[in-house]
Amino acid sequence: MNLSDLQIFRTVVEAGGITRAAERLHRVQSNVTTRIHQLEEKLEVELFVRQGKALTLSPAGRTLLPYADRLLALADEARNAVRDGAPRGPFVLGAMESTAAVRLPAPLSRFVGDHPDVKLTLKTGNPQQLATALLAGRLDAALVTGPFPDGPFERTPVFSEELVIVAAAGQAPLGGKNGPLPPAMVAFEMGCPHRTRLEKWYAQKGGAPTQTIEISSYHAMLGCVVVGMGISLVPLSVLTTFPERKHLSVHPLPKGDNHYSIDLIWRKEAVAPQMIQALVKALKPVTATKSPARRRLSAGA
């Protein structure tokens, strides 16, 4: 049973007979008659009760008709979906935790609202985990900061983030001549680019942390910093979501080390370009603003 058979069957029903159906389908009557007989043979039932040249639907024909309508409508829907290129279907997006928590709620709300036929799933991880998942086909796209392999991926810059070191309130300037480096740092597991950058900062100051406390969320990390367990390196935007930020001191990084780009990456030829374009469009209003996190922190000071 194919779609052409179902189209001929439905046209015969709508036209009320073979002759008019053949005219609508621009076929000869014998061809329409043969196709109806072939369909009946495939289904092993009679679809019409024949009284001379008159045809009326048999009980089996009445059962088949709504299925034919649904299958033909679904075929039209599939054909239109392929042709119009509108974003639809499942889409799994990966992101670093800070990006997911701070940057994505409003843009993804816009994206889902504009494209209700997309079934969006969001997963978090560090850049290495996200790149690996992308290569394995478990993600369709991801928001990451480098370095990551360029070869298999398409990429476009999306956000620019400012990084700061945070310590407990009252902490003197870090790494100065009059005081030692903080002995402990609070960070994500190995593979986090912020952890790598903080380790680099220690090395530039001529030292290294004597203890690294691994935490799995930013708010837990900042809570550890508040009580004096160590220092941490976080995106400035994260502080806007932390209710106890008044108990933190914020310390700048040297220029050149205090900003990083978050890119949207996806496997070449693995995602419909319309989907990527729609996602970038949803993210674009956020990229157009200048230092929203610093403005909000200043307003709350």
Protein backbone atom coordinates (compact mmCIF):
# COMPACT_ATOMS: atom_id res chain seq x y z
CA MET A 1 0.00 0.00 0.00
CA ASN A 2 1.49 3.31 -1.06
CA LEU A 3 0.38 6.92 -0.94
CA SER A 4 -0.57 6.93 -4.62
CA ASP A 5 -2.98 4.02 -4.05
CA LEU A 6 -4.57 5.87 -1.13
CA GLN A 7 -4.88 9.07 -3.18
CA ILE A 8 -6.68 7.21 -5.98
CA PHE A 9 -8.94 5.45 -3.46
CA ARG A 10 -9.89 8.71 -1.77
CA THR A 11 -10.52 10.47 -5.08
CA VAL A 12 -12.87 7.68 -6.20
CA VAL A 13 -14.80 8.10 -2.94
CA GLU A 14 -14.94 11.90 -3.25
CA ALA A 15 -15.85 11.84 -6.96
CA GLY A 16 -18.48 9.15 -6.50
CA GLY A 17 -17.14 6.83 -9.17
CA ILE A 18 -14.32 5.75 -11.47
CA THR A 19 -15.16 8.02 -14.41
CA ARG A 20 -15.11 11.32 -12.49
CA ALA A 21 -12.11 10.20 -10.43
CA ALA A 22 -10.17 9.48 -13.64
CA GLU A 23 -10.97 12.97 -14.90
CA ARG A 24 -9.75 14.58 -11.65
CA LEU A 25 -6.60 12.48 -11.61
CA HIS A 26 -5.93 12.93 -15.36
CA ARG A 27 -5.77 9.16 -15.79
CA VAL A 28 -7.62 6.75 -18.04
CA GLN A 29 -10.51 4.88 -16.40
CA SER A 30 -8.88 1.48 -16.86
CA ASN A 31 -5.82 2.62 -14.90
CA VAL A 32 -7.93 3.84 -11.97
CA THR A 33 -9.93 0.60 -11.99
CA THR A 34 -6.74 -1.48 -12.02
CA ARG A 35 -5.20 0.48 -9.14
CA ILE A 36 -8.32 0.02 -7.01
CA HIS A 37 -8.29 -3.72 -7.70
CA GLN A 38 -4.57 -3.91 -6.83
CA LEU A 39 -5.20 -2.09 -3.54
CA GLU A 40 -8.00 -4.49 -2.67
CA GLU A 41 -5.71 -7.43 -3.44
CA LYS A 42 -2.99 -6.04 -1.19
CA LEU A 43 -5.43 -5.54 1.67
CA GLU A 44 -7.32 -8.75 0.89
CA VAL A 45 -10.69 -7.00 1.24
CA GLU A 46 -13.26 -5.38 -1.04
CA LEU A 47 -13.32 -1.62 -0.58
CA PHE A 48 -16.43 -0.98 -2.68
CA VAL A 49 -19.78 -2.62 -3.20
CA ARG A 50 -20.29 -2.70 -6.97
CA GLN A 51 -23.77 -2.38 -8.46
CA GLY A 52 -23.24 -2.03 -12.18
CA LYS A 53 -21.17 1.12 -12.66
CA ALA A 54 -22.20 2.50 -9.27
CA LEU A 55 -19.76 2.19 -6.36
CA THR A 56 -20.50 2.53 -2.67
CA LEU A 57 -18.06 2.04 0.17
CA SER A 58 -17.98 -1.36 1.79
CA PRO A 59 -17.53 -1.64 5.60
CA ALA A 60 -13.78 -2.16 4.98
CA GLY A 61 -13.72 0.89 2.72
CA ARG A 62 -15.41 3.01 5.41
CA THR A 63 -12.75 1.82 7.87
CA LEU A 64 -9.89 2.62 5.51
CA LEU A 65 -11.06 6.10 4.49
CA PRO A 66 -10.15 8.02 7.71
CA TYR A 67 -6.76 6.29 7.76
CA ALA A 68 -6.19 7.33 4.16
CA ASP A 69 -7.11 10.91 5.05
CA ARG A 70 -4.66 10.93 7.99
CA LEU A 71 -1.80 9.32 6.05
CA LEU A 72 -2.19 11.68 3.10
CA ALA A 73 -2.40 14.70 5.42
CA LEU A 74 0.74 13.55 7.24
CA ALA A 75 2.53 13.13 3.92
CA ASP A 76 1.56 16.70 2.96
CA GLU A 77 2.80 17.92 6.33
CA ALA A 78 6.13 16.14 5.88
CA ARG A 79 6.48 17.51 2.35
CA ASN A 80 5.78 21.06 3.52
CA ALA A 81 8.16 20.69 6.46
CA VAL A 82 11.01 19.72 4.17
CA ARG A 83 10.25 22.48 1.69
CA ASP A 84 9.62 25.42 4.01
CA GLY A 85 12.67 24.70 6.20
CA ALA A 86 10.99 25.96 9.36
CA PRO A 87 12.70 24.73 12.55
CA ARG A 88 10.92 21.69 13.96
CA GLY A 89 11.61 18.41 15.68
CA PRO A 90 13.92 17.48 18.58
CA PHE A 91 16.93 19.69 19.27
CA VAL A 92 19.43 19.03 22.08
CA LEU A 93 21.49 22.06 23.14
CA GLY A 94 24.49 21.84 25.44
CA ALA A 95 25.88 24.69 27.55
CA MET A 96 28.25 25.40 30.39
CA GLU A 97 26.45 25.79 33.69
CA SER A 98 27.06 29.53 34.05
CA THR A 99 25.77 30.13 30.52
CA ALA A 100 22.70 27.97 31.09
CA ALA A 101 21.86 29.64 34.41
CA VAL A 102 22.49 33.28 33.55
CA ARG A 103 22.43 33.80 29.80
CA LEU A 104 19.89 31.34 28.42
CA PRO A 105 16.53 31.62 30.25
CA ALA A 106 15.23 34.63 28.32
CA PRO A 107 16.67 33.74 24.87
CA LEU A 108 15.49 30.13 25.03
CA SER A 109 12.05 31.30 26.12
CA ARG A 110 11.94 33.45 22.98
CA PHE A 111 13.21 30.57 20.86
CA VAL A 112 10.59 28.12 22.13
CA GLY A 113 7.85 30.72 21.81
CA ASP A 114 8.79 31.52 18.22
CA HIS A 115 9.21 27.87 17.22
CA PRO A 116 6.64 25.72 19.05
CA ASP A 117 7.35 22.75 16.75
CA VAL A 118 10.87 22.43 18.15
CA LYS A 119 11.26 20.04 21.11
CA LEU A 120 14.18 21.63 22.94
CA THR A 121 16.32 19.82 25.52
CA LEU A 122 19.13 21.54 27.47
CA LYS A 123 22.13 19.70 28.93
CA THR A 124 25.09 21.16 30.85
CA GLY A 125 28.76 20.21 31.12
CA ASN A 126 32.26 21.57 30.73
CA PRO A 127 33.55 22.39 27.21
CA GLN A 128 35.39 19.08 26.82
CA GLN A 129 32.32 17.08 27.82
CA LEU A 130 30.10 19.11 25.50
CA ALA A 131 32.46 18.79 22.53
CA THR A 132 32.69 15.03 23.08
CA ALA A 133 28.89 14.72 23.29
CA LEU A 134 28.55 16.80 20.12
CA LEU A 135 30.93 14.52 18.22
CA ALA A 136 29.08 11.45 19.50
CA GLY A 137 25.75 12.83 18.26
CA ARG A 138 24.24 13.24 21.74
CA LEU A 139 24.02 17.02 21.22
CA ASP A 140 22.98 19.03 18.18
CA ALA A 141 24.82 22.20 19.22
CA ALA A 142 26.63 23.59 22.25
CA LEU A 143 27.62 26.90 23.83
CA VAL A 144 31.26 26.63 24.90
CA THR A 145 34.44 28.56 25.38
CA GLY A 146 37.67 27.35 23.79
CA PRO A 147 39.99 25.85 23.19
CA PHE A 148 38.19 23.07 21.34
CA PRO A 149 38.83 21.26 18.04
CA ASP A 150 38.05 23.45 15.04
CA GLY A 151 38.03 20.76 12.37
CA PRO A 152 34.65 19.03 12.85
CA PHE A 153 32.73 22.12 13.96
CA GLU A 154 31.06 25.19 12.60
CA ARG A 155 31.10 28.05 15.09
CA THR A 156 29.79 31.55 15.65
CA PRO A 157 30.51 33.90 18.59
CA VAL A 158 27.48 34.51 20.79
CA PHE A 159 28.44 36.04 24.16
CA SER A 160 31.39 37.92 25.62
CA GLU A 161 31.94 37.31 29.34
CA GLU A 162 34.06 39.14 31.91
CA LEU A 163 35.89 37.02 34.47
CA VAL A 164 36.68 38.09 38.03
CA ILE A 165 38.27 36.49 41.06
CA VAL A 166 36.01 36.39 44.09
CA ALA A 167 37.05 36.12 47.74
CA ALA A 168 35.39 36.60 51.09
CA ALA A 169 34.42 40.18 51.97
CA GLY A 170 37.30 42.22 53.37
CA GLN A 171 39.97 40.30 51.47
CA ALA A 172 43.02 42.43 50.77
CA PRO A 173 44.21 42.78 47.16
CA LEU A 174 45.26 39.37 45.96
CA GLY A 175 48.84 38.46 45.20
CA GLY A 176 50.23 41.74 46.47
CA LYS A 177 53.69 42.28 47.89
CA ASN A 178 52.38 42.44 51.45
CA GLY A 179 50.56 39.14 51.61
CA PRO A 180 50.73 35.52 50.48
CA LEU A 181 48.56 33.99 47.84
CA PRO A 182 45.33 32.43 49.12
CA PRO A 183 46.17 28.79 49.83
CA ALA A 184 42.95 27.25 48.51
CA MET A 185 40.87 27.70 45.40
CA VAL A 186 37.31 26.56 44.79
CA ALA A 187 36.64 25.31 41.28
CA PHE A 188 34.86 22.87 39.04
CA GLU A 189 36.46 19.54 38.10
CA MET A 190 39.36 19.23 35.69
CA GLY A 191 38.42 20.37 32.20
CA CYS A 192 36.79 23.62 33.30
CA PRO A 193 38.46 26.54 31.47
CA HIS A 194 37.95 28.86 34.46
CA ARG A 195 39.86 26.45 36.69
CA THR A 196 42.68 26.38 34.14
CA ARG A 197 42.75 30.17 34.00
CA LEU A 198 42.86 30.50 37.79
CA GLU A 199 45.73 28.01 37.94
CA LYS A 200 47.47 30.16 35.34
CA TRP A 201 46.90 33.24 37.53
CA TYR A 202 48.55 31.48 40.48
CA ALA A 203 51.51 30.52 38.29
CA GLN A 204 51.92 34.12 37.08
CA LYS A 205 52.04 35.20 40.73
CA GLY A 206 54.81 32.69 41.38
CA GLY A 207 52.79 30.15 43.35
CA ALA A 208 50.17 27.42 43.28
CA PRO A 209 47.16 26.57 45.42
CA THR A 210 47.90 24.06 48.15
CA GLN A 211 44.30 22.80 47.98
CA THR A 212 41.65 22.68 45.30
CA ILE A 213 38.08 22.23 46.48
CA GLU A 214 35.96 20.81 43.66
CA ILE A 215 32.33 21.96 43.57
CA SER A 216 29.63 21.13 41.01
CA SER A 217 27.60 24.38 40.98
CA TYR A 218 28.38 28.09 41.00
CA HIS A 219 26.14 28.98 43.91
CA ALA A 220 27.68 26.26 46.08
CA MET A 221 31.09 27.49 44.97
CA LEU A 222 30.30 31.07 45.93
CA GLY A 223 28.91 29.88 49.25
CA CYS A 224 32.27 28.26 50.00
CA VAL A 225 34.03 31.51 49.12
CA VAL A 226 31.72 33.53 51.39
CA VAL A 227 32.77 31.47 54.44
CA GLY A 228 36.45 31.82 53.61
CA MET A 229 37.24 28.35 52.25
CA GLY A 230 39.13 29.75 49.27
CA ILE A 231 38.99 31.99 46.21
CA SER A 232 37.33 31.27 42.90
CA LEU A 233 37.21 32.53 39.34
CA VAL A 234 33.72 33.12 37.93
CA PRO A 235 31.97 35.03 35.16
CA LEU A 236 30.87 38.41 36.44
CA SER A 237 27.33 37.67 35.22
CA VAL A 238 27.03 34.82 37.76
CA LEU A 239 27.28 37.29 40.65
CA THR A 240 24.03 38.96 39.58
CA THR A 241 22.17 35.77 40.51
CA PHE A 242 23.85 35.23 43.89
CA PRO A 243 21.80 36.68 46.77
CA GLU A 244 24.77 36.87 49.18
CA ARG A 245 27.12 38.77 46.86
CA LYS A 246 27.49 41.59 49.43
CA HIS A 247 29.58 39.11 51.43
CA LEU A 248 32.06 38.73 48.56
CA SER A 249 34.96 40.88 47.41
CA VAL A 250 35.58 41.10 43.68
CA HIS A 251 39.11 41.27 42.29
CA PRO A 252 39.94 42.00 38.65
CA LEU A 253 42.13 39.88 36.45
CA PRO A 254 44.89 41.43 34.30
CA LYS A 255 43.69 42.78 30.97
CA GLY A 256 43.91 40.13 28.31
CA ASP A 257 42.95 37.42 30.79
CA ASN A 258 39.68 38.93 32.00
CA HIS A 259 37.42 38.27 29.02
CA TYR A 260 36.45 35.24 27.01
CA SER A 261 34.08 34.45 24.18
CA ILE A 262 31.30 31.87 24.27
CA ASP A 263 30.72 30.33 20.86
CA LEU A 264 27.83 28.32 19.51
CA ILE A 265 29.32 25.23 17.86
CA TRP A 266 27.73 22.43 15.84
CA ARG A 267 28.90 19.63 13.62
CA LYS A 268 29.28 20.53 9.98
CA GLU A 269 26.29 19.42 7.88
CA ALA A 270 24.67 17.71 10.88
CA VAL A 271 22.11 20.40 11.77
CA ALA A 272 19.65 22.21 9.52
CA PRO A 273 20.94 25.76 8.94
CA GLN A 274 17.45 27.13 9.61
CA MET A 275 17.63 25.74 13.15
CA ILE A 276 20.98 27.38 13.83
CA GLN A 277 19.83 30.67 12.31
CA ALA A 278 16.71 30.65 14.49
CA LEU A 279 18.74 29.95 17.62
CA VAL A 280 21.29 32.68 16.88
CA LYS A 281 18.45 35.11 16.22
CA ALA A 282 16.97 34.31 19.65
CA LEU A 283 20.36 34.88 21.31
CA LYS A 284 21.17 38.05 19.38
CA PRO A 285 19.25 40.57 21.57
CA VAL A 286 21.43 39.51 24.50
CA THR A 287 24.67 39.93 22.58
CA ALA A 288 23.73 43.49 21.66
CA THR A 289 23.84 44.74 25.26
CA LYS A 290 27.02 46.07 26.81
CA SER A 291 28.19 44.64 30.15
CA PRO A 292 24.70 44.00 31.59
CA ALA A 293 26.18 42.16 34.57
CA ARG A 294 28.43 45.05 35.59
CA ARG A 295 25.56 47.53 35.26
CA ARG A 296 23.30 45.39 37.45
CA LEU A 297 26.02 44.94 40.07
CA SER A 298 26.71 48.68 40.10
CA ALA A 299 23.02 49.44 40.45
CA GLY A 300 22.78 47.07 43.40
CA ALA A 301 25.86 48.44 45.18
